[in-house]
């Protein structure tokens, strides 16, 4: 059976009441099995968008759903903490999970279906023997720190694309390397779906929204602002060339003792290869750092040029 909230019967002749509170948004249909997902999707007519998440939803995730709502007749959100993309010692067991809260948020932004499988549903034969090989694009930046991560990501993304059969799939720009890899996989493996990137949602003070922000103490939360501060400093140096961009960002990061830098690179947005010192035009500045025990990432697109 499908997990769904039953509809409340409506009186035949309800009394008019202009001051009555608005009716709550309808809850999305919650499905947990492949068969139930197929049954729901087979009843849909029109275009379909998918937003893939690991739950613990924040406004950045909800922006993806809002954009999906604008682009398609039906919106499917997947919630699955994918064990394939966690290496031993990473935070798989501790990763925040709150399905009830996630469903309430998704009702407010118009999700139609939530697919929340368990690992046995996604991987019925255990860890898959065949996985997506992400290639050299996954060997740098996040891939250098987490060498098995993107094979796990692309494997589950491809499986979810097959299971949800969308016309469009939306991903956040905060995970810029992941977005580039998904686009490359869709192109190179002839997957018939449009991939759309959605801009980063930030807190009022500039911190990029992330489910892992919940791990930050008050002191760590203040220190974490160095990441977005470094991006701001870099944008201010965009007219001085690539080397000055990196120098400005690095200066801001090393000034914060609570931040331990993993990497800071200025790269091509599609290939993730470092841009030359004399580069001009669009470039992606990416940063990853440890703040306390929490590893955070952030990025921004810059338009490089150099004053003569």
Protein backbone atom coordinates (compact mmCIF):
# COMPACT_ATOMS: atom_id res chain seq x y z
CA UNK A 1 0.00 0.00 0.00
CA UNK A 2 1.08 3.59 -0.59
CA UNK A 3 1.83 5.76 2.42
CA UNK A 4 -0.40 8.81 2.02
CA UNK A 5 -2.43 11.07 4.26
CA UNK A 6 -6.15 10.40 3.87
CA UNK A 7 -8.23 13.30 2.61
CA UNK A 8 -10.70 14.87 5.04
CA UNK A 9 -14.27 14.79 3.68
CA UNK A 10 -15.53 18.24 2.65
CA UNK A 11 -19.07 19.25 3.72
CA UNK A 12 -21.55 19.47 0.88
CA UNK A 13 -22.38 23.10 1.71
CA UNK A 14 -19.53 24.59 3.73
CA UNK A 15 -20.25 27.87 5.43
CA UNK A 16 -18.39 30.85 4.01
CA UNK A 17 -15.79 32.23 6.40
CA UNK A 18 -13.37 34.81 5.06
CA UNK A 19 -11.43 34.73 8.33
CA UNK A 20 -10.93 30.95 8.34
CA UNK A 21 -7.29 29.80 8.19
CA UNK A 22 -6.02 28.52 4.86
CA UNK A 23 -6.27 24.78 4.39
CA UNK A 24 -2.98 22.96 4.96
CA UNK A 25 -1.03 22.03 1.87
CA UNK A 26 -1.71 18.45 0.73
CA UNK A 27 1.00 16.02 1.78
CA UNK A 28 2.97 14.36 -1.00
CA UNK A 29 2.38 10.68 -1.56
CA UNK A 30 5.10 8.73 0.26
CA UNK A 31 6.30 5.54 -1.41
CA UNK A 32 9.00 3.20 -0.24
CA UNK A 33 9.06 0.36 -2.75
CA UNK A 34 9.80 0.11 -6.45
CA UNK A 35 6.36 -1.35 -7.15
CA UNK A 36 4.54 1.48 -5.37
CA UNK A 37 6.69 4.08 -7.13
CA UNK A 38 5.92 2.52 -10.51
CA UNK A 39 2.19 2.47 -9.71
CA UNK A 40 2.14 6.17 -8.84
CA UNK A 41 4.26 7.26 -11.81
CA UNK A 42 2.19 5.21 -14.27
CA UNK A 43 -0.86 7.26 -13.27
CA UNK A 44 0.83 10.58 -14.04
CA UNK A 45 0.35 12.40 -17.31
CA UNK A 46 2.56 15.20 -18.53
CA UNK A 47 6.13 16.16 -17.65
CA UNK A 48 7.98 15.02 -14.56
CA UNK A 49 10.88 16.52 -12.61
CA UNK A 50 13.01 14.84 -9.97
CA UNK A 51 14.97 16.31 -7.08
CA UNK A 52 17.37 13.87 -5.41
CA UNK A 53 18.21 14.44 -1.74
CA UNK A 54 19.52 12.68 1.34
CA UNK A 55 16.88 14.34 3.53
CA UNK A 56 17.41 16.77 6.44
CA UNK A 57 15.96 19.31 4.03
CA UNK A 58 16.70 23.04 4.18
CA UNK A 59 15.74 26.01 2.00
CA UNK A 60 18.41 25.11 -0.54
CA UNK A 61 16.69 21.78 -1.18
CA UNK A 62 13.31 23.49 -1.27
CA UNK A 63 14.59 25.92 -3.92
CA UNK A 64 15.23 22.88 -6.11
CA UNK A 65 11.66 21.71 -5.59
CA UNK A 66 10.26 25.17 -6.32
CA UNK A 67 12.21 25.29 -9.57
CA UNK A 68 11.07 21.76 -10.40
CA UNK A 69 7.47 22.87 -9.79
CA UNK A 70 7.95 25.65 -12.34
CA UNK A 71 9.40 23.32 -14.94
CA UNK A 72 7.17 20.22 -14.82
CA UNK A 73 3.64 18.99 -14.24
CA UNK A 74 4.73 16.53 -11.54
CA UNK A 75 7.54 16.69 -9.00
CA UNK A 76 9.17 13.62 -7.44
CA UNK A 77 11.60 14.06 -4.55
CA UNK A 78 13.84 11.20 -3.53
CA UNK A 79 15.14 10.90 0.04
CA UNK A 80 17.88 8.33 0.41
CA UNK A 81 21.07 8.40 2.46
CA UNK A 82 23.21 6.52 -0.02
CA UNK A 83 25.79 4.27 1.69
CA UNK A 84 27.83 3.89 -1.51
CA UNK A 85 29.04 7.48 -1.34
CA UNK A 86 30.30 7.29 2.25
CA UNK A 87 33.79 5.95 2.91
CA UNK A 88 34.64 4.08 6.14
CA UNK A 89 34.86 6.58 8.99
CA UNK A 90 32.57 9.15 7.35
CA UNK A 91 29.27 10.24 8.89
CA UNK A 92 26.84 7.71 7.37
CA UNK A 93 25.30 6.66 10.69
CA UNK A 94 25.30 10.18 12.12
CA UNK A 95 23.91 11.86 8.99
CA UNK A 96 20.76 13.77 10.09
CA UNK A 97 17.44 12.11 9.28
CA UNK A 98 13.94 13.49 9.92
CA UNK A 99 11.46 12.15 7.38
CA UNK A 100 8.38 13.59 9.10
CA UNK A 101 9.83 17.12 9.07
CA UNK A 102 10.98 16.68 5.46
CA UNK A 103 7.48 15.66 4.34
CA UNK A 104 5.96 18.71 6.00
CA UNK A 105 8.41 21.01 4.21
CA UNK A 106 7.82 19.31 0.87
CA UNK A 107 4.06 19.72 1.24
CA UNK A 108 4.57 23.48 1.47
CA UNK A 109 6.51 23.68 -1.82
CA UNK A 110 4.32 21.37 -3.86
CA UNK A 111 6.10 18.04 -4.15
CA UNK A 112 3.74 15.38 -5.48
CA UNK A 113 5.61 12.18 -4.65
CA UNK A 114 8.38 11.32 -2.19
CA UNK A 115 10.35 8.15 -2.84
CA UNK A 116 12.13 7.17 0.39
CA UNK A 117 13.56 3.68 -0.10
CA UNK A 118 15.75 1.77 2.32
CA UNK A 119 19.14 0.41 1.21
CA UNK A 120 17.66 -3.05 0.58
CA UNK A 121 15.19 -1.53 -1.88
CA UNK A 122 17.87 0.42 -3.74
CA UNK A 123 20.41 -2.41 -3.66
CA UNK A 124 18.39 -5.64 -3.44
CA UNK A 125 21.41 -7.79 -4.26
CA UNK A 126 23.73 -6.05 -1.83
CA UNK A 127 26.48 -3.67 -2.90
CA UNK A 128 26.32 -3.48 -6.71
CA UNK A 129 29.10 -5.24 -8.55
CA UNK A 130 28.68 -2.88 -11.51
CA UNK A 131 29.03 0.82 -10.76
CA UNK A 132 29.40 3.99 -12.79
CA UNK A 133 33.06 4.82 -13.37
CA UNK A 134 33.26 8.63 -13.10
CA UNK A 135 36.62 8.98 -14.87
CA UNK A 136 39.32 11.64 -14.47
CA UNK A 137 36.86 14.43 -13.61
CA UNK A 138 36.33 12.65 -10.27
CA UNK A 139 40.02 12.32 -9.41
CA UNK A 140 40.51 15.95 -8.34
CA UNK A 141 39.12 18.23 -5.61
CA UNK A 142 36.44 16.25 -3.75
CA UNK A 143 37.58 13.09 -5.50
CA UNK A 144 41.15 13.49 -4.27
CA UNK A 145 39.90 13.67 -0.68
CA UNK A 146 37.11 11.11 -1.11
CA UNK A 147 38.28 8.75 -3.89
CA UNK A 148 35.23 6.44 -3.90
CA UNK A 149 32.63 9.16 -3.40
CA UNK A 150 31.62 10.02 -6.95
CA UNK A 151 31.34 6.41 -8.12
CA UNK A 152 28.75 5.99 -5.36
CA UNK A 153 27.01 9.24 -6.27
CA UNK A 154 26.76 8.55 -10.00
CA UNK A 155 25.64 4.96 -9.45
CA UNK A 156 22.71 6.00 -7.28
CA UNK A 157 21.86 8.99 -9.51
CA UNK A 158 21.69 6.74 -12.57
CA UNK A 159 19.55 4.19 -10.71
CA UNK A 160 17.17 6.91 -9.50
CA UNK A 161 16.91 8.37 -13.00
CA UNK A 162 15.87 4.93 -14.27
CA UNK A 163 13.38 4.45 -11.42
CA UNK A 164 11.75 7.90 -11.56
CA UNK A 165 11.88 8.40 -15.37
CA UNK A 166 12.01 12.23 -15.28
CA UNK A 167 12.12 14.73 -18.10
CA UNK A 168 14.24 17.08 -15.99
CA UNK A 169 16.50 16.54 -12.96
CA UNK A 170 17.56 19.40 -10.71
CA UNK A 171 20.79 19.62 -8.70
CA UNK A 172 22.29 22.32 -6.50
CA UNK A 173 25.25 24.40 -7.63
CA UNK A 174 26.81 24.07 -4.16
CA UNK A 175 27.96 20.58 -5.17
CA UNK A 176 29.54 21.99 -8.32
CA UNK A 177 31.76 19.00 -9.09
CA UNK A 178 28.85 16.61 -8.61
CA UNK A 179 26.75 18.72 -10.99
CA UNK A 180 29.52 18.65 -13.62
CA UNK A 181 29.84 14.87 -13.27
CA UNK A 182 26.09 14.28 -13.56
CA UNK A 183 26.01 16.39 -16.71
CA UNK A 184 28.95 14.45 -18.14
CA UNK A 185 27.34 11.10 -17.30
CA UNK A 186 24.03 12.10 -18.89
CA UNK A 187 25.84 13.29 -22.01
CA UNK A 188 28.29 10.42 -22.34
CA UNK A 189 25.82 7.61 -21.53
CA UNK A 190 22.93 9.06 -23.59
CA UNK A 191 20.53 9.45 -20.67
CA UNK A 192 17.41 11.22 -21.93
CA UNK A 193 16.98 13.86 -19.23
CA UNK A 194 17.63 17.59 -18.93
CA UNK A 195 19.97 18.45 -16.05
CA UNK A 196 19.37 21.84 -14.42
CA UNK A 197 21.65 23.51 -11.88
CA UNK A 198 20.07 25.73 -9.22
CA UNK A 199 22.00 28.54 -7.48
CA UNK A 200 23.30 28.21 -3.92
CA UNK A 201 20.93 29.28 -1.14
CA UNK A 202 22.73 31.11 1.66
CA UNK A 203 21.94 32.10 5.22
CA UNK A 204 21.50 35.87 5.78
CA UNK A 205 25.14 36.08 6.92
CA UNK A 206 26.40 34.35 3.76
CA UNK A 207 26.99 30.77 4.95
CA UNK A 208 25.99 28.26 2.27
CA UNK A 209 23.08 26.15 3.47
CA UNK A 210 24.01 22.53 4.16
CA UNK A 211 22.54 19.68 6.17
CA UNK A 212 25.95 19.39 7.83
CA UNK A 213 25.64 22.91 9.28
CA UNK A 214 23.64 21.22 12.05
CA UNK A 215 26.92 19.74 13.31
CA UNK A 216 28.49 23.18 13.91
CA UNK A 217 28.84 24.58 17.41
CA UNK A 218 28.29 28.29 17.94
CA UNK A 219 32.02 28.95 17.72
CA UNK A 220 32.35 26.77 14.62
CA UNK A 221 29.36 28.49 13.03
CA UNK A 222 31.09 31.87 13.33
CA UNK A 223 34.37 30.48 11.99
CA UNK A 224 32.59 28.90 9.00
CA UNK A 225 31.79 32.36 7.67
CA UNK A 226 35.40 32.51 6.49
CA UNK A 227 34.42 30.32 3.52
CA UNK A 228 31.84 32.71 2.11
CA UNK A 229 34.08 35.61 3.17
CA UNK A 230 36.87 34.15 1.07
CA UNK A 231 34.57 33.97 -1.95
CA UNK A 232 33.56 37.61 -1.42
CA UNK A 233 37.22 38.62 -1.27
CA UNK A 234 37.90 36.68 -4.46
CA UNK A 235 35.07 38.39 -6.31
CA UNK A 236 36.60 41.72 -5.34
CA UNK A 237 39.88 40.68 -6.96
CA UNK A 238 38.39 39.28 -10.20
CA UNK A 239 39.81 42.20 -12.21
CA UNK A 240 43.34 41.51 -11.02
CA UNK A 241 43.69 38.04 -12.53
CA UNK A 242 43.61 34.43 -11.37
CA UNK A 243 46.62 34.59 -9.04
CA UNK A 244 45.26 37.57 -7.14
CA UNK A 245 41.85 35.93 -6.86
CA UNK A 246 43.39 32.91 -5.15
CA UNK A 247 45.63 35.08 -2.97
CA UNK A 248 42.70 37.19 -1.76
CA UNK A 249 40.62 34.14 -0.90
CA UNK A 250 43.49 32.35 0.83
CA UNK A 251 44.30 35.40 2.94
CA UNK A 252 40.76 35.46 4.31
CA UNK A 253 40.82 31.74 5.11
CA UNK A 254 44.19 31.64 6.88
CA UNK A 255 43.12 34.59 9.02
CA UNK A 256 40.49 32.38 10.68
CA UNK A 257 42.15 29.97 13.14
CA UNK A 258 39.02 27.84 13.38
CA UNK A 259 39.28 26.81 9.70
CA UNK A 260 41.58 24.06 8.42
CA UNK A 261 41.80 24.33 4.64
CA UNK A 262 41.49 21.21 2.51
CA UNK A 263 41.68 22.83 -0.92
CA UNK A 264 41.17 26.16 -2.65
CA UNK A 265 41.24 26.07 -6.44
CA UNK A 266 40.21 28.17 -9.42
CA UNK A 267 39.00 25.77 -12.11
CA UNK A 268 37.14 25.38 -15.36
CA UNK A 269 33.45 24.88 -14.45
CA UNK A 270 33.07 21.87 -16.76
CA UNK A 271 36.39 20.03 -16.53
CA UNK A 272 37.42 21.02 -12.97
CA UNK A 273 40.95 21.59 -14.29
CA UNK A 274 42.91 24.52 -12.86
CA UNK A 275 42.75 27.63 -15.03
CA UNK A 276 46.05 29.25 -16.13
CA UNK A 277 47.32 32.43 -14.51
CA UNK A 278 46.39 34.48 -17.59
CA UNK A 279 42.86 33.05 -17.88
CA UNK A 280 39.92 35.29 -18.68
CA UNK A 281 36.19 34.65 -18.70
CA UNK A 282 34.16 32.37 -16.43
CA UNK A 283 35.97 30.34 -13.77
CA UNK A 284 34.80 28.42 -10.72
CA UNK A 285 36.40 29.10 -7.35
CA UNK A 286 35.95 26.07 -5.10
CA UNK A 287 36.85 25.67 -1.45
CA UNK A 288 36.65 22.83 1.07
CA UNK A 289 37.66 23.15 4.69
CA UNK A 290 37.26 21.57 8.10
CA UNK A 291 35.54 23.70 10.72
CA UNK A 292 35.83 21.82 13.97
CA UNK A 293 34.92 18.25 13.06
CA UNK A 294 32.71 19.26 10.12
CA UNK A 295 33.87 19.42 6.53
CA UNK A 296 32.20 22.15 4.47
CA UNK A 297 32.35 23.10 0.80
CA UNK A 298 31.44 26.25 -1.08
CA UNK A 299 32.02 27.84 -4.49
CA UNK A 300 31.30 30.79 -6.71
CA UNK A 301 31.49 31.56 -10.42
CA UNK A 302 33.78 34.45 -11.30
CA UNK A 303 34.23 36.36 -14.54
CA UNK A 304 38.02 36.79 -14.70
CA UNK A 305 39.61 39.76 -16.37
CA UNK A 306 42.73 41.81 -15.80
CA UNK A 307 43.20 45.52 -15.80
CA UNK A 308 45.95 46.61 -18.14
